[in-house]
Protein backbone atom coordinates (compact mmCIF):
# COMPACT_ATOMS: atom_id res chain seq x y z
CA MET A 1 -17.39 -8.31 4.27
CA ASN A 2 -15.13 -10.39 2.03
CA ARG A 3 -11.43 -9.87 2.69
CA VAL A 4 -9.18 -9.85 -0.37
CA LEU A 5 -5.39 -9.61 -0.67
CA VAL A 6 -3.95 -8.33 -3.96
CA THR A 7 -0.23 -8.79 -4.58
CA GLY A 8 1.28 -6.43 -7.11
CA CYS A 9 -1.42 -3.92 -6.18
CA ASN A 10 0.54 -0.91 -7.50
CA GLY A 11 1.10 -2.52 -10.88
CA TYR A 12 -0.83 -2.15 -14.12
CA ILE A 13 -3.49 -4.84 -13.67
CA GLY A 14 -3.40 -4.75 -9.87
CA SER A 15 -4.22 -1.04 -9.70
CA HIS A 16 -7.32 -1.53 -11.84
CA VAL A 17 -8.40 -4.52 -9.74
CA VAL A 18 -8.13 -2.91 -6.29
CA LYS A 19 -10.11 0.10 -7.49
CA LEU A 20 -13.00 -2.12 -8.59
CA LEU A 21 -12.84 -4.25 -5.44
CA LYS A 22 -13.06 -1.20 -3.17
CA GLU A 23 -15.91 0.26 -5.22
CA ASP A 24 -17.75 -3.05 -4.77
CA GLY A 25 -17.38 -2.90 -0.98
CA TYR A 26 -14.60 -5.44 -0.35
CA HIS A 27 -12.06 -5.18 2.45
CA VAL A 28 -8.92 -4.86 0.32
CA GLU A 29 -5.32 -5.30 1.42
CA GLY A 30 -2.43 -4.78 -0.97
CA TRP A 31 1.21 -5.84 -1.11
CA ASP A 32 3.87 -4.47 -3.45
CA ILE A 33 7.56 -3.54 -3.55
CA ASN A 34 7.38 -0.94 -6.36
CA VAL A 35 9.96 -2.81 -8.41
CA TYR A 36 10.18 0.11 -10.88
CA ASN A 37 10.74 2.62 -8.05
CA GLU A 38 8.93 5.90 -8.80
CA ASP A 39 7.06 4.38 -11.74
CA HIS A 40 4.05 2.86 -10.00
CA ASN A 41 0.35 3.50 -9.47
CA ASP A 42 -0.67 5.03 -6.14
CA VAL A 43 -3.68 3.02 -4.96
CA THR A 44 -3.49 3.63 -1.22
CA HIS A 45 -6.92 5.33 -1.25
CA PHE A 46 -8.44 2.08 -2.58
CA LEU A 47 -6.85 -0.07 0.14
CA ASP A 48 -7.81 -0.75 3.73
CA LYS A 49 -4.21 -1.76 4.40
CA PHE A 50 -1.00 -1.57 2.37
CA TYR A 51 2.26 -3.34 3.13
CA TYR A 52 5.59 -2.91 1.38
CA GLN A 53 6.10 -6.65 1.23
CA ASP A 54 8.42 -8.83 -0.85
CA ILE A 55 6.60 -12.15 -1.17
CA THR A 56 9.85 -14.01 -1.81
CA GLN A 57 10.95 -13.07 1.73
CA LEU A 58 7.91 -14.18 3.72
CA HIS A 59 9.96 -16.85 5.47
CA LEU A 60 12.06 -14.10 7.09
CA ASN A 61 9.13 -12.13 8.44
CA THR A 62 8.06 -14.19 11.43
CA GLY A 63 6.74 -11.16 13.31
CA LEU A 64 5.07 -9.20 10.54
CA PRO A 65 1.84 -7.40 11.52
CA ILE A 66 0.00 -8.85 8.54
CA SER A 67 -3.29 -10.66 8.23
CA THR A 68 -3.06 -14.28 7.18
CA GLY A 69 -6.64 -15.33 6.59
CA PHE A 70 -8.24 -14.06 3.40
CA ASP A 71 -11.37 -15.11 1.55
CA THR A 72 -9.46 -14.57 -1.69
CA ILE A 73 -5.86 -13.90 -2.70
CA ILE A 74 -5.37 -12.34 -6.14
CA HIS A 75 -1.72 -12.96 -7.01
CA LEU A 76 -0.54 -10.48 -9.65
CA ALA A 77 3.01 -9.78 -8.42
CA GLY A 78 5.98 -10.96 -10.45
CA ARG A 79 8.54 -10.16 -13.13
CA PRO A 80 6.60 -9.61 -16.40
CA ILE A 81 8.99 -8.47 -19.16
CA VAL A 82 9.70 -11.17 -21.75
CA PRO A 83 12.84 -9.71 -23.41
CA ARG A 84 14.49 -9.02 -20.05
CA SER A 85 13.85 -12.60 -18.91
CA PHE A 86 16.44 -13.82 -21.44
CA SER A 87 19.18 -11.75 -19.81
CA GLU A 88 17.96 -12.25 -16.22
CA PRO A 89 16.44 -15.75 -16.20
CA PHE A 90 17.36 -16.52 -12.59
CA SER A 91 15.55 -13.46 -11.19
CA TYR A 92 12.45 -14.41 -13.15
CA TYR A 93 12.43 -17.97 -11.84
CA GLN A 94 13.24 -16.77 -8.33
CA ASN A 95 10.49 -14.16 -8.19
CA ASN A 96 7.77 -15.89 -10.17
CA LEU A 97 8.28 -19.31 -8.59
CA SER A 98 9.48 -18.77 -5.04
CA GLY A 99 7.11 -15.84 -4.57
CA THR A 100 4.13 -17.96 -5.54
CA HIS A 101 5.32 -20.86 -3.39
CA SER A 102 5.88 -18.63 -0.34
CA LEU A 103 2.49 -17.01 -0.67
CA LEU A 104 0.73 -20.38 -0.79
CA HIS A 105 2.80 -21.73 2.09
CA PHE A 106 2.50 -18.83 4.55
CA ILE A 107 -0.84 -17.12 3.80
CA ASP A 108 -4.19 -18.89 4.23
CA THR A 109 -7.05 -18.44 1.78
CA ASN A 110 -10.16 -20.21 0.53
CA HIS A 111 -9.54 -19.11 -3.07
CA PHE A 112 -6.18 -18.45 -4.73
CA ILE A 113 -6.45 -16.54 -8.03
CA TYR A 114 -3.24 -16.74 -10.05
CA GLY A 115 -2.56 -14.21 -12.80
CA SER A 116 -0.78 -16.21 -15.49
CA SER A 117 0.09 -15.55 -19.13
CA SER A 118 -0.89 -16.67 -22.62
CA SER A 119 2.85 -17.18 -23.23
CA CYS A 120 2.48 -20.45 -21.30
CA PHE A 121 0.99 -22.00 -24.43
CA GLU A 122 4.37 -21.86 -26.22
CA ASN A 123 6.84 -21.59 -23.29
CA LEU A 124 9.43 -19.91 -25.53
CA SER A 125 10.99 -17.63 -22.90
CA PRO A 126 12.24 -17.88 -19.29
CA TYR A 127 9.32 -15.63 -18.34
CA ALA A 128 6.81 -17.99 -19.91
CA ARG A 129 8.39 -21.05 -18.33
CA SER A 130 8.42 -19.38 -14.91
CA LYS A 131 4.71 -18.62 -15.20
CA SER A 132 3.94 -22.12 -16.42
CA ALA A 133 5.86 -23.62 -13.49
CA GLY A 134 4.02 -21.22 -11.19
CA GLU A 135 0.75 -22.69 -12.46
CA ASP A 136 2.02 -26.15 -11.49
CA ILE A 137 2.78 -24.92 -7.96
CA VAL A 138 -0.73 -23.51 -7.62
CA ARG A 139 -2.32 -26.75 -8.79
CA GLU A 140 -0.23 -28.72 -6.32
CA LEU A 141 -0.49 -26.52 -3.21
CA ALA A 142 -3.65 -24.42 -3.37
CA VAL A 143 -6.73 -25.82 -1.68
CA ASN A 144 -9.01 -24.03 -4.15
CA TYR A 145 -7.81 -21.94 -7.06
CA THR A 146 -8.47 -20.23 -10.37
CA ILE A 147 -5.64 -19.85 -12.91
CA LEU A 148 -6.19 -17.03 -15.40
CA ARG A 149 -4.10 -16.74 -18.55
CA PHE A 150 -4.04 -13.12 -19.74
CA PHE A 151 -3.62 -12.17 -23.40
CA ASN A 152 -1.80 -8.90 -24.26
CA VAL A 153 -3.51 -6.61 -21.79
CA SER A 154 -3.94 -3.02 -23.02
CA GLY A 155 -5.86 0.18 -22.38
CA SER A 156 -6.54 2.10 -19.16
CA ASP A 157 -9.33 3.22 -16.85
CA GLY A 158 -8.05 6.77 -17.26
CA GLN A 159 -6.51 6.79 -13.79
CA HIS A 160 -3.92 4.01 -13.77
CA HIS A 161 -1.08 3.32 -16.19
CA MET A 162 1.24 0.70 -17.59
CA ILE A 163 4.53 0.91 -15.69
CA GLY A 164 8.15 -0.07 -16.18
CA PRO A 165 10.03 -0.45 -19.48
CA CYS A 166 7.86 -0.17 -22.57
CA THR A 167 7.62 -3.59 -24.25
CA ARG A 168 3.95 -3.79 -25.30
CA LEU A 169 3.05 -2.92 -28.88
CA ILE A 170 0.12 -0.58 -28.24
CA ARG A 171 2.07 1.35 -25.62
CA SER A 172 5.09 1.52 -27.93
CA CYS A 173 2.90 3.08 -30.61
CA ALA A 174 1.60 5.68 -28.15
CA GLN A 175 5.11 6.60 -27.05
CA ALA A 176 6.29 6.82 -30.65
CA ILE A 177 3.73 9.58 -31.25
CA LEU A 178 4.42 11.46 -28.01
CA GLU A 179 8.22 11.27 -28.27
CA ASP A 180 8.62 11.40 -32.07
CA LYS A 181 10.18 7.95 -32.16
CA HIS A 182 9.60 4.89 -34.31
CA VAL A 183 7.97 1.51 -33.76
CA LYS A 184 9.71 -1.65 -34.90
CA ILE A 185 7.85 -4.51 -36.54
CA PHE A 186 9.83 -7.57 -35.47
CA GLY A 187 9.30 -10.02 -38.31
CA THR A 188 7.38 -9.57 -41.56
CA ASP A 189 7.70 -13.14 -42.85
CA TYR A 190 5.46 -15.04 -40.44
CA PRO A 191 2.90 -17.47 -41.92
CA THR A 192 0.07 -14.99 -41.25
CA PRO A 193 -2.17 -13.02 -43.67
CA ASP A 194 0.09 -9.93 -43.71
CA GLY A 195 3.34 -11.54 -42.55
CA THR A 196 3.35 -9.98 -39.07
CA ALA A 197 2.68 -11.70 -35.75
CA VAL A 198 -0.93 -12.10 -34.63
CA ARG A 199 -2.10 -11.65 -31.04
CA SER A 200 -5.23 -11.38 -28.91
CA TYR A 201 -5.43 -7.89 -27.38
CA THR A 202 -7.62 -7.63 -24.28
CA SER A 203 -8.78 -4.53 -22.41
CA VAL A 204 -7.38 -4.13 -18.90
CA ASN A 205 -10.85 -2.95 -17.86
CA ASP A 206 -12.36 -6.22 -19.09
CA ILE A 207 -9.57 -8.15 -17.38
CA ALA A 208 -10.06 -6.34 -14.06
CA ASN A 209 -13.82 -6.81 -14.15
CA GLY A 210 -13.31 -10.49 -14.93
CA ILE A 211 -10.94 -10.94 -11.99
CA VAL A 212 -13.39 -9.30 -9.61
CA GLU A 213 -16.16 -11.51 -10.99
CA SER A 214 -13.96 -14.53 -10.29
CA THR A 215 -13.94 -13.58 -6.60
CA VAL A 216 -17.75 -13.78 -6.71
CA THR A 217 -18.12 -17.01 -8.66
CA GLY A 218 -15.47 -18.79 -6.62
CA PRO A 219 -12.70 -21.26 -7.47
CA ARG A 220 -12.71 -23.09 -10.80
CA ASN A 221 -10.08 -25.72 -9.88
CA THR A 222 -9.45 -26.29 -13.60
CA ASN A 223 -6.16 -26.50 -15.47
CA TYR A 224 -6.49 -22.84 -16.48
CA GLU A 225 -9.01 -20.34 -17.82
CA ASN A 226 -8.50 -18.01 -20.77
CA PHE A 227 -8.80 -14.26 -20.23
CA GLY A 228 -8.39 -13.20 -23.83
CA ASN A 229 -10.20 -11.65 -26.75
CA PRO A 230 -11.22 -14.24 -29.37
CA LYS A 231 -10.79 -11.59 -32.09
CA CYS A 232 -7.09 -11.30 -32.86
CA TYR A 233 -5.04 -8.69 -34.71
CA SER A 234 -1.71 -8.56 -36.51
CA VAL A 235 1.03 -6.10 -35.66
CA ARG A 236 0.21 -4.08 -38.78
CA GLU A 237 -3.47 -3.97 -37.85
CA VAL A 238 -2.62 -2.63 -34.39
CA ILE A 239 -0.37 0.05 -35.88
CA ASN A 240 -3.10 1.09 -38.33
CA ALA A 241 -5.69 1.18 -35.54
CA MET A 242 -3.49 3.48 -33.44
CA LYS A 243 -2.94 5.79 -36.40
CA SER A 244 -6.69 5.90 -37.07
CA VAL A 245 -7.50 7.29 -33.60
CA THR A 246 -4.39 9.42 -33.00
CA ASP A 247 -1.70 10.46 -35.48
CA GLU A 248 0.97 9.19 -37.83
CA PHE A 249 4.27 7.79 -36.54
CA LYS A 250 7.34 6.12 -37.98
CA VAL A 251 7.46 2.37 -38.51
CA ILE A 252 10.61 0.32 -39.16
CA GLU A 253 10.74 -3.32 -40.18
CA ALA A 254 13.21 -5.52 -38.27
CA PRO A 255 14.08 -9.25 -38.04
CA ARG A 256 12.10 -11.59 -35.82
CA ARG A 257 12.85 -11.63 -32.09
CA ILE A 258 13.72 -14.79 -30.24
CA GLY A 259 10.77 -16.11 -28.25
CA ASP A 260 8.04 -14.58 -30.46
CA PRO A 261 5.52 -17.10 -31.87
CA ALA A 262 3.70 -16.36 -35.11
CA GLU A 263 0.29 -16.42 -33.43
CA THR A 264 -1.06 -16.48 -29.89
CA ARG A 265 -4.81 -17.02 -29.78
CA PRO A 266 -7.20 -18.20 -27.08
CA PRO A 267 -7.55 -21.90 -27.92
CA ASP A 268 -11.32 -21.92 -27.62
CA SER A 269 -14.33 -19.70 -26.95
CA SER A 270 -14.57 -20.53 -23.25
CA ASN A 271 -13.26 -17.17 -22.07
CA LEU A 272 -14.62 -16.02 -18.74
CA ILE A 273 -14.84 -12.30 -19.54
CA THR A 274 -17.16 -10.21 -21.66
CA HIS A 275 -15.22 -8.09 -24.13
CA THR A 276 -16.64 -4.58 -24.18
CA GLN A 277 -13.87 -2.59 -25.85
CA THR A 278 -12.57 -2.52 -29.40
CA LEU A 279 -8.96 -2.40 -30.54
CA GLU A 280 -9.43 1.31 -31.30
CA ASP A 281 -10.73 1.86 -27.74
CA MET A 282 -7.63 0.24 -26.27
CA CYS A 283 -5.33 2.24 -28.55
CA LEU A 284 -6.91 5.57 -27.67
CA GLU A 285 -7.04 4.78 -23.93
CA THR A 286 -3.38 3.81 -23.94
CA PHE A 287 -2.39 6.94 -25.84
CA LEU A 288 -4.30 9.21 -23.44
CA SER A 289 -2.86 7.36 -20.44
CA GLU A 290 0.70 7.80 -21.71
CA MET A 291 0.03 11.46 -22.52
CA ASN A 292 -1.34 12.12 -19.03
CA LYS A 293 1.51 10.23 -17.43
CA LYS A 294 4.03 12.26 -19.42
CA SER A 295 2.33 15.51 -18.36
CA ASP A 296 2.30 14.46 -14.69
CA THR A 297 6.02 13.69 -14.86
CA ARG A 298 6.82 17.16 -16.15
CA VAL A 299 4.91 18.96 -13.38
């Protein structure tokens, strides 16, 4: 039985991944610190072992009862919020760099899968630069590895949710409906067809399936691989898609934000995942996930 360690197992992508791994018969161990406290996904029933483990502190844990030999490590832990990285740059470099370095230094594996970000193409924020530097560490220290750049992950499997502060567009639209708030369009003067920023939106279910498939196919040992949807959408198109499958909500136009490029697209068609869900699918899944999460909180 293949033994897999997933860091960030209680997070958004991690929760979807450990579920699929366990369903496929893997021995799955998970590490997390629940950085958003109560806001996390409970995946203990999909894990053979769970440890509340801060990967930046591995050097202090000389006597930890943890396994050190894994067929695959899927590294998804880290600080992920772009706007916050401008106000807390040191914590982003500390967590996203030293955590990756510690994991590679202290834990043995035949295949290190690193969850990176499409923001590495522009490197316009401390978050992006920390992930880009993390990629460099993986290339230098990992014996065998696969670096996966994710593009605007959205949607839900119906059981697990996005967690932490709401910074993603599709989730913001869902919350605007549920809480009678508005969504801001940051920038309407970009050099794009409708003036709003264009992004690749990728289903978390497709992402999770692709990660699990990467454990089967083995290390790529390439510069990076794209985990994105080649079909891209503008901010206005996403807003219209959400309205088409749910309800109306308020929209306000605002100036551009620092660190936001006009477009972020997969640079070629060599994506490793098969895209099975439409933009409307991702919008509806996210809305239902936020609605269920809100209901659970009130109980």
